[in-house]
N, C-alpha and C. Protein backbone atom coordinates (compact mmCIF):
# COMPACT_ATOMS: atom_id res chain seq x y z
N MET A 1 0.85 -1.21 0.00
CA MET A 1 -0.03 -0.01 -0.01
C MET A 1 0.89 1.28 0.02
N GLY A 2 0.56 2.17 -0.91
CA GLY A 2 1.36 3.41 -0.95
C GLY A 2 1.01 4.33 0.25
N ALA A 3 1.64 5.50 0.22
CA ALA A 3 1.36 6.45 1.33
C ALA A 3 -0.06 6.84 1.24
N MET A 4 -0.70 6.96 2.39
CA MET A 4 -2.13 7.28 2.39
C MET A 4 -2.29 8.78 2.52
N LEU A 5 -3.20 9.28 1.77
CA LEU A 5 -3.52 10.71 1.83
C LEU A 5 -4.92 10.89 2.42
N ILE A 6 -5.02 11.62 3.45
CA ILE A 6 -6.36 11.90 4.01
C ILE A 6 -6.68 13.36 3.70
N GLU A 7 -7.78 13.52 2.98
CA GLU A 7 -8.21 14.89 2.59
C GLU A 7 -9.09 15.49 3.75
N THR A 8 -8.98 16.79 3.84
CA THR A 8 -9.83 17.46 4.82
C THR A 8 -10.77 18.45 4.13
N GLU A 9 -11.94 18.56 4.61
CA GLU A 9 -12.91 19.60 4.09
C GLU A 9 -13.45 20.35 5.29
N THR A 10 -13.82 21.61 5.05
CA THR A 10 -14.50 22.40 6.04
C THR A 10 -16.01 22.03 6.01
N THR A 11 -16.72 22.39 7.07
CA THR A 11 -18.15 22.17 7.13
C THR A 11 -18.75 23.48 7.53
N PRO A 12 -20.13 23.60 7.46
CA PRO A 12 -20.74 24.91 7.84
C PRO A 12 -20.50 25.22 9.30
N ASN A 13 -20.13 24.22 10.07
CA ASN A 13 -19.81 24.50 11.52
C ASN A 13 -18.32 24.66 11.62
N PRO A 14 -17.82 25.90 12.00
CA PRO A 14 -16.41 26.15 12.06
C PRO A 14 -15.65 25.26 13.00
N ALA A 15 -16.33 24.69 14.00
CA ALA A 15 -15.66 23.83 14.96
C ALA A 15 -15.42 22.43 14.39
N THR A 16 -16.10 22.14 13.32
CA THR A 16 -16.06 20.74 12.80
C THR A 16 -15.32 20.65 11.48
N LEU A 17 -14.39 19.72 11.39
CA LEU A 17 -13.70 19.43 10.12
C LEU A 17 -14.11 18.01 9.69
N LYS A 18 -14.13 17.82 8.39
CA LYS A 18 -14.44 16.50 7.79
C LYS A 18 -13.16 15.94 7.24
N PHE A 19 -12.89 14.68 7.58
CA PHE A 19 -11.68 14.00 7.09
C PHE A 19 -12.10 12.85 6.18
N LEU A 20 -11.52 12.80 4.99
CA LEU A 20 -11.86 11.74 4.03
C LEU A 20 -10.63 10.86 3.80
N PRO A 21 -10.68 9.61 4.33
CA PRO A 21 -9.60 8.72 4.24
C PRO A 21 -9.47 8.08 2.85
N GLY A 22 -10.44 8.37 1.95
CA GLY A 22 -10.32 7.73 0.61
C GLY A 22 -10.78 6.29 0.57
N ARG A 23 -11.52 5.87 1.53
CA ARG A 23 -12.07 4.51 1.60
C ARG A 23 -13.29 4.51 2.44
N THR A 24 -14.09 3.40 2.41
CA THR A 24 -15.30 3.32 3.16
C THR A 24 -15.00 3.32 4.67
N VAL A 25 -15.71 4.12 5.42
CA VAL A 25 -15.61 4.17 6.85
C VAL A 25 -16.64 3.26 7.47
N MET A 26 -17.90 3.53 7.16
CA MET A 26 -19.03 2.73 7.60
C MET A 26 -19.72 2.05 6.46
N ASP A 27 -19.81 0.78 6.53
CA ASP A 27 -20.47 0.01 5.38
C ASP A 27 -21.95 0.37 5.32
N ALA A 28 -22.57 0.55 6.51
CA ALA A 28 -23.97 0.90 6.49
C ALA A 28 -24.26 1.81 7.70
N GLY A 29 -25.11 2.76 7.50
CA GLY A 29 -25.53 3.67 8.60
C GLY A 29 -24.39 4.67 8.92
N THR A 30 -24.62 5.37 9.99
CA THR A 30 -23.62 6.32 10.47
C THR A 30 -23.52 6.15 11.95
N ARG A 31 -22.57 6.82 12.64
CA ARG A 31 -22.42 6.68 14.01
C ARG A 31 -21.94 7.99 14.58
N ASP A 32 -22.60 8.46 15.63
CA ASP A 32 -22.29 9.75 16.21
C ASP A 32 -21.79 9.53 17.67
N PHE A 33 -20.66 10.09 18.04
CA PHE A 33 -20.16 9.99 19.39
C PHE A 33 -20.08 11.45 19.98
N ALA A 34 -20.84 11.62 21.04
CA ALA A 34 -20.89 13.00 21.62
C ALA A 34 -20.16 13.06 22.95
N THR A 35 -19.78 11.91 23.50
CA THR A 35 -19.12 11.89 24.82
C THR A 35 -17.98 10.86 24.77
N PRO A 36 -17.00 11.04 25.66
CA PRO A 36 -15.92 10.02 25.72
C PRO A 36 -16.49 8.63 26.08
N GLU A 37 -17.59 8.56 26.86
CA GLU A 37 -18.16 7.29 27.24
C GLU A 37 -18.66 6.58 25.99
N GLU A 38 -19.36 7.34 25.16
CA GLU A 38 -19.92 6.72 23.86
C GLU A 38 -18.75 6.25 23.02
N ALA A 39 -17.69 6.99 23.07
CA ALA A 39 -16.51 6.65 22.20
C ALA A 39 -15.82 5.41 22.59
N GLU A 40 -16.05 4.94 23.79
CA GLU A 40 -15.39 3.66 24.25
C GLU A 40 -15.72 2.49 23.30
N ALA A 41 -16.88 2.56 22.53
CA ALA A 41 -17.23 1.51 21.64
C ALA A 41 -16.25 1.41 20.48
N SER A 42 -15.56 2.47 20.21
CA SER A 42 -14.71 2.51 18.99
C SER A 42 -13.24 2.94 19.37
N PRO A 43 -12.28 2.13 19.11
CA PRO A 43 -10.89 2.55 19.46
C PRO A 43 -10.50 3.82 18.74
N LEU A 44 -11.00 4.01 17.57
CA LEU A 44 -10.66 5.26 16.80
C LEU A 44 -11.32 6.48 17.46
N ALA A 45 -12.61 6.43 17.77
CA ALA A 45 -13.28 7.54 18.38
C ALA A 45 -12.63 7.81 19.75
N GLU A 46 -12.27 6.77 20.44
CA GLU A 46 -11.72 6.94 21.77
C GLU A 46 -10.35 7.72 21.68
N ALA A 47 -9.53 7.25 20.73
CA ALA A 47 -8.24 7.88 20.58
C ALA A 47 -8.39 9.40 20.24
N LEU A 48 -9.39 9.71 19.47
CA LEU A 48 -9.65 11.09 19.08
C LEU A 48 -10.05 11.92 20.32
N PHE A 49 -10.97 11.35 21.09
CA PHE A 49 -11.43 12.00 22.33
C PHE A 49 -10.25 12.14 23.33
N ASN A 50 -9.35 11.18 23.29
CA ASN A 50 -8.23 11.24 24.22
C ASN A 50 -7.28 12.40 23.94
N LEU A 51 -7.40 13.03 22.80
CA LEU A 51 -6.56 14.19 22.51
C LEU A 51 -6.91 15.31 23.51
N GLY A 52 -8.14 15.29 24.06
CA GLY A 52 -8.52 16.29 25.04
C GLY A 52 -9.16 17.47 24.45
N ASP A 53 -8.96 17.72 23.09
CA ASP A 53 -9.55 18.94 22.54
C ASP A 53 -10.74 18.62 21.65
N VAL A 54 -11.14 17.38 21.66
CA VAL A 54 -12.18 16.91 20.76
C VAL A 54 -13.51 16.68 21.55
N THR A 55 -14.63 17.28 21.04
CA THR A 55 -15.89 17.13 21.76
C THR A 55 -16.90 16.30 21.01
N GLY A 56 -16.60 15.95 19.72
CA GLY A 56 -17.53 15.16 18.99
C GLY A 56 -16.83 14.46 17.81
N VAL A 57 -17.23 13.20 17.59
CA VAL A 57 -16.70 12.41 16.45
C VAL A 57 -17.91 11.79 15.79
N PHE A 58 -17.89 11.85 14.43
CA PHE A 58 -19.02 11.30 13.68
C PHE A 58 -18.45 10.46 12.54
N PHE A 59 -18.92 9.18 12.41
CA PHE A 59 -18.49 8.35 11.26
C PHE A 59 -19.57 8.37 10.24
N GLY A 60 -19.26 8.80 9.01
CA GLY A 60 -20.17 8.68 7.86
C GLY A 60 -19.68 7.55 6.94
N ARG A 61 -20.30 7.44 5.75
CA ARG A 61 -19.98 6.36 4.91
C ARG A 61 -18.48 6.40 4.42
N ASP A 62 -18.06 7.64 4.07
CA ASP A 62 -16.68 7.71 3.56
C ASP A 62 -15.92 8.83 4.25
N PHE A 63 -16.37 9.28 5.40
CA PHE A 63 -15.70 10.34 6.07
C PHE A 63 -15.84 10.26 7.57
N ILE A 64 -14.98 11.01 8.23
CA ILE A 64 -15.07 11.13 9.73
C ILE A 64 -15.15 12.60 10.01
N SER A 65 -16.17 13.07 10.70
CA SER A 65 -16.19 14.51 11.15
C SER A 65 -15.67 14.61 12.59
N VAL A 66 -14.85 15.57 12.86
CA VAL A 66 -14.33 15.77 14.21
C VAL A 66 -14.63 17.19 14.65
N THR A 67 -15.25 17.28 15.80
CA THR A 67 -15.60 18.63 16.35
C THR A 67 -14.66 18.99 17.48
N ALA A 68 -14.06 20.19 17.35
CA ALA A 68 -13.12 20.68 18.35
C ALA A 68 -13.94 21.43 19.45
N GLY A 69 -13.38 21.34 20.69
CA GLY A 69 -13.94 22.01 21.78
C GLY A 69 -13.88 23.59 21.65
N PRO A 70 -14.60 24.29 22.49
CA PRO A 70 -14.62 25.74 22.46
C PRO A 70 -13.20 26.28 22.68
N GLY A 71 -12.80 27.24 21.84
CA GLY A 71 -11.49 27.87 21.98
C GLY A 71 -10.32 27.05 21.44
N VAL A 72 -10.64 25.88 20.87
CA VAL A 72 -9.54 25.08 20.32
C VAL A 72 -9.31 25.53 18.86
N GLU A 73 -8.01 25.75 18.52
CA GLU A 73 -7.73 26.20 17.14
C GLU A 73 -7.43 24.97 16.33
N TRP A 74 -8.03 24.83 15.13
CA TRP A 74 -7.78 23.68 14.26
C TRP A 74 -6.36 23.52 13.76
N PRO A 75 -5.65 24.66 13.48
CA PRO A 75 -4.27 24.43 13.01
C PRO A 75 -3.41 23.65 13.96
N GLY A 76 -3.65 23.80 15.22
CA GLY A 76 -2.90 23.02 16.19
C GLY A 76 -3.35 21.60 16.40
N LEU A 77 -4.70 21.40 16.17
CA LEU A 77 -5.28 20.06 16.45
C LEU A 77 -5.15 19.16 15.24
N LYS A 78 -5.28 19.76 14.00
CA LYS A 78 -5.36 18.97 12.82
C LYS A 78 -4.24 17.89 12.66
N PRO A 79 -2.98 18.27 12.86
CA PRO A 79 -1.90 17.22 12.69
C PRO A 79 -2.10 16.01 13.64
N ASP A 80 -2.54 16.27 14.86
CA ASP A 80 -2.79 15.19 15.82
C ASP A 80 -3.92 14.26 15.32
N VAL A 81 -5.00 14.86 14.80
CA VAL A 81 -6.16 14.09 14.31
C VAL A 81 -5.68 13.28 13.11
N LEU A 82 -4.96 13.90 12.23
CA LEU A 82 -4.50 13.21 11.00
C LEU A 82 -3.61 12.02 11.39
N GLY A 83 -2.74 12.22 12.38
CA GLY A 83 -1.86 11.18 12.82
C GLY A 83 -2.60 9.98 13.31
N ILE A 84 -3.65 10.22 14.11
CA ILE A 84 -4.47 9.12 14.68
C ILE A 84 -5.20 8.39 13.51
N LEU A 85 -5.78 9.17 12.62
CA LEU A 85 -6.53 8.53 11.50
C LEU A 85 -5.59 7.73 10.59
N LEU A 86 -4.36 8.29 10.28
CA LEU A 86 -3.38 7.53 9.48
C LEU A 86 -2.98 6.22 10.15
N ASP A 87 -2.67 6.25 11.44
CA ASP A 87 -2.29 5.07 12.18
C ASP A 87 -3.42 4.05 12.07
N HIS A 88 -4.67 4.52 12.27
CA HIS A 88 -5.77 3.57 12.32
C HIS A 88 -5.99 2.91 11.00
N PHE A 89 -6.07 3.73 9.93
CA PHE A 89 -6.39 3.13 8.58
C PHE A 89 -5.24 2.39 7.97
N SER A 90 -4.02 2.88 8.19
CA SER A 90 -2.89 2.14 7.58
C SER A 90 -2.71 0.81 8.26
N ALA A 91 -3.08 0.73 9.56
CA ALA A 91 -2.96 -0.57 10.24
C ALA A 91 -4.20 -1.43 9.99
N GLY A 92 -5.19 -0.87 9.35
CA GLY A 92 -6.44 -1.66 9.12
C GLY A 92 -7.14 -2.11 10.38
N MET A 93 -7.13 -1.26 11.38
CA MET A 93 -7.75 -1.63 12.67
C MET A 93 -9.25 -1.61 12.53
N PRO A 94 -9.95 -2.43 13.40
CA PRO A 94 -11.44 -2.44 13.32
C PRO A 94 -11.95 -1.09 13.87
N LEU A 95 -13.10 -0.68 13.36
CA LEU A 95 -13.69 0.60 13.75
C LEU A 95 -14.33 0.47 15.16
N PHE A 96 -14.88 -0.71 15.40
CA PHE A 96 -15.57 -0.92 16.67
C PHE A 96 -14.94 -2.07 17.49
N ARG A 97 -15.02 -2.00 18.78
CA ARG A 97 -14.61 -3.12 19.62
C ARG A 97 -15.54 -4.26 19.43
N PRO A 98 -15.09 -5.49 19.51
CA PRO A 98 -15.96 -6.62 19.38
C PRO A 98 -17.08 -6.55 20.46
N GLY A 99 -18.27 -6.94 20.01
CA GLY A 99 -19.33 -7.00 21.03
C GLY A 99 -20.10 -5.71 21.22
N THR A 100 -19.61 -4.59 20.62
CA THR A 100 -20.39 -3.32 20.73
C THR A 100 -21.26 -3.28 19.48
N ALA A 101 -22.40 -2.75 19.65
CA ALA A 101 -23.35 -2.63 18.48
C ALA A 101 -22.84 -1.52 17.60
N ALA A 102 -22.45 -1.88 16.39
CA ALA A 102 -21.99 -0.89 15.49
C ALA A 102 -23.20 -0.19 14.80
N GLY A 103 -23.21 1.10 14.84
CA GLY A 103 -24.19 1.85 14.07
C GLY A 103 -25.49 2.07 14.77
N PHE A 104 -25.76 1.42 15.95
CA PHE A 104 -26.97 1.68 16.66
C PHE A 104 -26.73 2.51 17.88
N SER A 105 -26.74 3.80 17.79
CA SER A 105 -26.34 4.63 18.95
C SER A 105 -27.58 5.21 19.61
N VAL A 106 -28.74 4.83 19.11
CA VAL A 106 -30.00 5.48 19.62
C VAL A 106 -30.69 4.54 20.55
N PRO A 107 -30.93 4.95 21.79
CA PRO A 107 -31.68 4.12 22.73
C PRO A 107 -33.11 3.94 22.18
N ALA A 108 -33.66 2.77 22.27
CA ALA A 108 -34.96 2.43 21.71
C ALA A 108 -36.07 3.37 22.26
N GLU A 109 -35.94 3.72 23.50
CA GLU A 109 -37.06 4.51 24.09
C GLU A 109 -37.21 5.91 23.48
N ASP A 110 -36.16 6.33 22.77
CA ASP A 110 -36.23 7.68 22.18
C ASP A 110 -36.99 7.70 20.87
N ALA A 111 -37.17 6.52 20.29
CA ALA A 111 -37.85 6.44 18.97
C ALA A 111 -39.36 6.56 19.24
N PHE A 112 -40.06 7.22 18.30
CA PHE A 112 -41.50 7.30 18.36
C PHE A 112 -42.08 6.00 17.74
N THR A 113 -43.19 5.63 18.23
CA THR A 113 -43.88 4.48 17.64
C THR A 113 -44.87 5.01 16.58
N ASP A 114 -44.63 4.62 15.31
CA ASP A 114 -45.45 5.04 14.30
C ASP A 114 -46.82 4.31 14.27
N ASP A 115 -47.90 5.08 13.94
CA ASP A 115 -49.19 4.41 13.88
C ASP A 115 -49.21 3.57 12.57
N PRO A 116 -49.62 2.30 12.71
CA PRO A 116 -49.64 1.45 11.52
C PRO A 116 -50.46 2.02 10.38
N GLU A 117 -51.53 2.84 10.69
CA GLU A 117 -52.35 3.43 9.69
C GLU A 117 -51.53 4.43 8.89
N ASP A 118 -50.45 4.93 9.45
CA ASP A 118 -49.64 5.97 8.73
C ASP A 118 -48.59 5.28 7.87
N ALA A 119 -48.57 3.99 7.75
CA ALA A 119 -47.45 3.25 7.09
C ALA A 119 -47.07 3.82 5.70
N ASP A 120 -48.12 4.14 4.96
CA ASP A 120 -47.78 4.61 3.57
C ASP A 120 -47.13 6.01 3.65
N ILE A 121 -47.62 6.83 4.55
CA ILE A 121 -47.05 8.19 4.66
C ILE A 121 -45.59 8.09 5.18
N VAL A 122 -45.37 7.25 6.20
CA VAL A 122 -44.04 7.06 6.77
C VAL A 122 -43.10 6.51 5.69
N ALA A 123 -43.55 5.65 4.91
CA ALA A 123 -42.69 5.11 3.83
C ALA A 123 -42.31 6.19 2.85
N GLN A 124 -43.20 7.06 2.52
CA GLN A 124 -42.92 8.18 1.62
C GLN A 124 -41.89 9.12 2.23
N ILE A 125 -42.09 9.46 3.52
CA ILE A 125 -41.22 10.38 4.24
C ILE A 125 -39.82 9.75 4.27
N LYS A 126 -39.74 8.51 4.67
CA LYS A 126 -38.37 7.85 4.70
C LYS A 126 -37.68 7.85 3.37
N GLU A 127 -38.45 7.54 2.34
CA GLU A 127 -37.89 7.56 0.98
C GLU A 127 -37.32 8.88 0.59
N LEU A 128 -38.06 9.99 0.91
CA LEU A 128 -37.58 11.34 0.59
C LEU A 128 -36.34 11.66 1.37
N ILE A 129 -36.28 11.25 2.64
CA ILE A 129 -35.15 11.58 3.48
C ILE A 129 -33.91 10.83 2.92
N GLU A 130 -34.09 9.58 2.54
CA GLU A 130 -33.00 8.76 2.01
C GLU A 130 -32.48 9.35 0.68
N THR A 131 -33.39 9.73 -0.22
CA THR A 131 -32.99 10.05 -1.57
C THR A 131 -32.64 11.51 -1.74
N ARG A 132 -33.29 12.39 -0.96
CA ARG A 132 -33.05 13.85 -1.21
C ARG A 132 -32.44 14.57 -0.07
N VAL A 133 -32.77 14.23 1.17
CA VAL A 133 -32.27 15.00 2.26
C VAL A 133 -30.85 14.56 2.74
N ARG A 134 -30.70 13.24 2.97
CA ARG A 134 -29.41 12.76 3.50
C ARG A 134 -28.24 13.01 2.62
N PRO A 135 -28.42 12.78 1.23
CA PRO A 135 -27.24 13.09 0.37
C PRO A 135 -26.74 14.53 0.50
N ALA A 136 -27.74 15.52 0.64
CA ALA A 136 -27.39 16.85 0.71
C ALA A 136 -26.65 17.16 2.05
N VAL A 137 -27.12 16.54 3.10
CA VAL A 137 -26.60 16.82 4.45
C VAL A 137 -25.21 16.11 4.57
N ALA A 138 -25.01 15.02 3.97
CA ALA A 138 -23.73 14.29 4.01
C ALA A 138 -22.59 15.21 3.46
N ASN A 139 -22.94 16.03 2.47
CA ASN A 139 -21.90 16.96 1.97
C ASN A 139 -21.40 17.89 3.02
N ASP A 140 -22.27 18.14 4.00
CA ASP A 140 -21.80 19.06 5.06
C ASP A 140 -21.24 18.33 6.23
N GLY A 141 -21.02 17.01 6.14
CA GLY A 141 -20.38 16.24 7.19
C GLY A 141 -21.30 15.82 8.34
N GLY A 142 -22.56 15.67 7.97
CA GLY A 142 -23.49 15.22 9.03
C GLY A 142 -24.55 14.25 8.49
N ASP A 143 -25.58 14.04 9.23
CA ASP A 143 -26.65 13.14 8.84
C ASP A 143 -27.92 13.57 9.49
N ILE A 144 -28.99 13.10 8.96
CA ILE A 144 -30.31 13.35 9.48
C ILE A 144 -30.98 11.94 9.56
N VAL A 145 -31.57 11.66 10.75
CA VAL A 145 -32.14 10.38 10.95
C VAL A 145 -33.63 10.55 11.20
N TYR A 146 -34.43 9.71 10.56
CA TYR A 146 -35.92 9.71 10.77
C TYR A 146 -36.18 9.16 12.17
N ARG A 147 -37.02 9.85 12.94
CA ARG A 147 -37.33 9.43 14.29
C ARG A 147 -38.79 9.08 14.50
N GLY A 148 -39.66 9.68 13.69
CA GLY A 148 -41.07 9.31 13.88
C GLY A 148 -42.02 10.31 13.22
N PHE A 149 -43.29 9.86 13.09
CA PHE A 149 -44.34 10.68 12.46
C PHE A 149 -45.51 10.57 13.39
N ASP A 150 -46.05 11.75 13.77
CA ASP A 150 -47.17 11.73 14.70
C ASP A 150 -48.09 12.90 14.44
N LYS A 151 -49.31 12.64 14.02
CA LYS A 151 -50.34 13.69 13.80
C LYS A 151 -49.73 14.87 12.97
N GLY A 152 -49.19 14.49 11.88
CA GLY A 152 -48.69 15.52 10.92
C GLY A 152 -47.27 16.01 11.19
N LYS A 153 -46.74 15.69 12.33
CA LYS A 153 -45.36 16.21 12.68
C LYS A 153 -44.38 15.09 12.40
N VAL A 154 -43.29 15.47 11.69
CA VAL A 154 -42.23 14.57 11.38
C VAL A 154 -41.05 14.87 12.38
N TYR A 155 -40.58 13.89 13.08
CA TYR A 155 -39.46 14.08 13.99
C TYR A 155 -38.14 13.59 13.37
N LEU A 156 -37.17 14.45 13.35
CA LEU A 156 -35.89 14.06 12.72
C LEU A 156 -34.76 14.41 13.71
N GLN A 157 -33.68 13.66 13.67
CA GLN A 157 -32.54 13.91 14.48
C GLN A 157 -31.36 14.31 13.64
N MET A 158 -30.70 15.44 14.05
CA MET A 158 -29.52 15.91 13.30
C MET A 158 -28.30 15.36 13.99
N GLN A 159 -27.31 14.90 13.20
CA GLN A 159 -26.06 14.31 13.79
C GLN A 159 -24.88 14.89 13.10
N GLY A 160 -23.73 14.71 13.70
CA GLY A 160 -22.47 15.17 13.15
C GLY A 160 -22.44 16.64 13.09
N ALA A 161 -21.85 17.19 11.99
CA ALA A 161 -21.67 18.67 11.85
C ALA A 161 -22.98 19.36 11.85
N CYS A 162 -24.02 18.66 11.50
CA CYS A 162 -25.33 19.33 11.39
C CYS A 162 -25.98 19.60 12.78
N ALA A 163 -25.53 18.84 13.80
CA ALA A 163 -26.18 19.00 15.10
C ALA A 163 -25.91 20.34 15.71
N GLY A 164 -24.65 20.85 15.54
CA GLY A 164 -24.30 22.07 16.28
C GLY A 164 -24.33 23.30 15.44
N CYS A 165 -24.56 23.19 14.13
CA CYS A 165 -24.35 24.43 13.28
C CYS A 165 -25.65 25.25 13.27
N PRO A 166 -25.44 26.56 13.33
CA PRO A 166 -26.60 27.51 13.42
C PRO A 166 -27.55 27.30 12.21
N SER A 167 -27.01 26.97 11.06
CA SER A 167 -27.79 26.78 9.88
C SER A 167 -28.74 25.58 9.96
N SER A 168 -28.47 24.66 10.90
CA SER A 168 -29.23 23.42 10.88
C SER A 168 -30.71 23.61 11.14
N THR A 169 -31.08 24.47 12.04
CA THR A 169 -32.50 24.71 12.28
C THR A 169 -33.16 25.34 11.10
N ALA A 170 -32.44 26.24 10.42
CA ALA A 170 -32.97 26.89 9.23
C ALA A 170 -33.15 25.86 8.13
N THR A 171 -32.12 25.00 7.99
CA THR A 171 -32.21 23.94 6.93
C THR A 171 -33.38 23.06 7.19
N LEU A 172 -33.53 22.68 8.48
CA LEU A 172 -34.59 21.73 8.86
C LEU A 172 -35.92 22.34 8.55
N LYS A 173 -36.14 23.55 9.01
CA LYS A 173 -37.41 24.26 8.91
C LYS A 173 -37.76 24.50 7.42
N ASN A 174 -36.83 25.27 6.74
CA ASN A 174 -37.21 25.72 5.43
C ASN A 174 -37.10 24.60 4.41
N GLY A 175 -35.87 24.13 4.20
CA GLY A 175 -35.66 23.16 3.17
C GLY A 175 -36.51 21.88 3.34
N ILE A 176 -36.24 21.20 4.42
CA ILE A 176 -36.79 19.88 4.58
C ILE A 176 -38.28 19.94 4.82
N GLU A 177 -38.75 20.87 5.61
CA GLU A 177 -40.19 20.98 5.85
C GLU A 177 -40.98 21.24 4.56
N GLN A 178 -40.40 22.17 3.76
CA GLN A 178 -41.09 22.48 2.48
C GLN A 178 -41.12 21.27 1.56
N LEU A 179 -39.99 20.57 1.49
CA LEU A 179 -39.85 19.45 0.63
C LEU A 179 -40.88 18.36 1.01
N LEU A 180 -40.93 18.06 2.34
CA LEU A 180 -41.80 16.99 2.75
C LEU A 180 -43.28 17.39 2.58
N LYS A 181 -43.59 18.64 2.94
CA LYS A 181 -44.97 19.15 2.78
C LYS A 181 -45.46 19.01 1.29
N TYR A 182 -44.49 19.36 0.40
CA TYR A 182 -44.79 19.43 -1.00
C TYR A 182 -45.20 18.03 -1.49
N TYR A 183 -44.37 17.04 -1.12
CA TYR A 183 -44.60 15.68 -1.61
C TYR A 183 -45.56 14.88 -0.77
N VAL A 184 -45.62 15.20 0.52
CA VAL A 184 -46.51 14.46 1.39
C VAL A 184 -47.42 15.49 2.12
N PRO A 185 -48.60 15.72 1.52
CA PRO A 185 -49.51 16.81 2.06
C PRO A 185 -49.90 16.57 3.51
N GLU A 186 -49.78 15.33 3.98
CA GLU A 186 -50.18 15.02 5.40
C GLU A 186 -49.22 15.64 6.39
N VAL A 187 -48.06 16.02 5.95
CA VAL A 187 -47.02 16.59 6.83
C VAL A 187 -47.37 18.08 7.13
N THR A 188 -47.44 18.40 8.43
CA THR A 188 -47.74 19.79 8.80
C THR A 188 -46.51 20.49 9.37
N GLU A 189 -45.57 19.75 9.93
CA GLU A 189 -44.45 20.36 10.57
C GLU A 189 -43.29 19.38 10.71
N VAL A 190 -42.06 19.91 10.69
CA VAL A 190 -40.87 19.08 10.92
C VAL A 190 -40.19 19.60 12.21
N ARG A 191 -39.86 18.68 13.11
CA ARG A 191 -39.23 19.02 14.36
C ARG A 191 -37.93 18.24 14.53
N SER A 192 -36.97 18.82 15.19
CA SER A 192 -35.79 18.02 15.50
C SER A 192 -35.83 17.58 16.93
N VAL A 193 -35.28 16.37 17.14
CA VAL A 193 -35.29 15.79 18.50
C VAL A 193 -33.88 15.62 19.01
């Protein structure tokens, strides 16, 4: 294997940088780590949190978003993050510790129970989120996860760079709400959880 090059991209959130290792990170789904405790499931996320300046790590399909803590300057932190990522990927280490659930970071009790009568509507909403919303949000280093539909309200969860950036509520309200209302007249409102 030749020398590995990891590309970096900025995101709408100045505290978050996106790192592209040039290979698949997550085969399916995404994973968001917001605390050092959550990061214990992944040796890579744990190593990043251990730098002390990192407050969030997000694994996407082909990227890793890293969020720096308040007052941390990226020029000082970036070489450390790159070093950890290079070590990890060049050694081909597993992303998750054995026995930890990969990709399922959401406690079941947080999910809404959809009414079976709404099955068609829910299927439409999920389809729109998969095909139109998520690809757009992935460009910004984050993800949006469907959480539930109840009496016209769609509940979505923002992850990664999207969770903390000021534009996320605007994106959610304007873009996504309009899109869903347009295609699915039953939708009255979009809320983030």
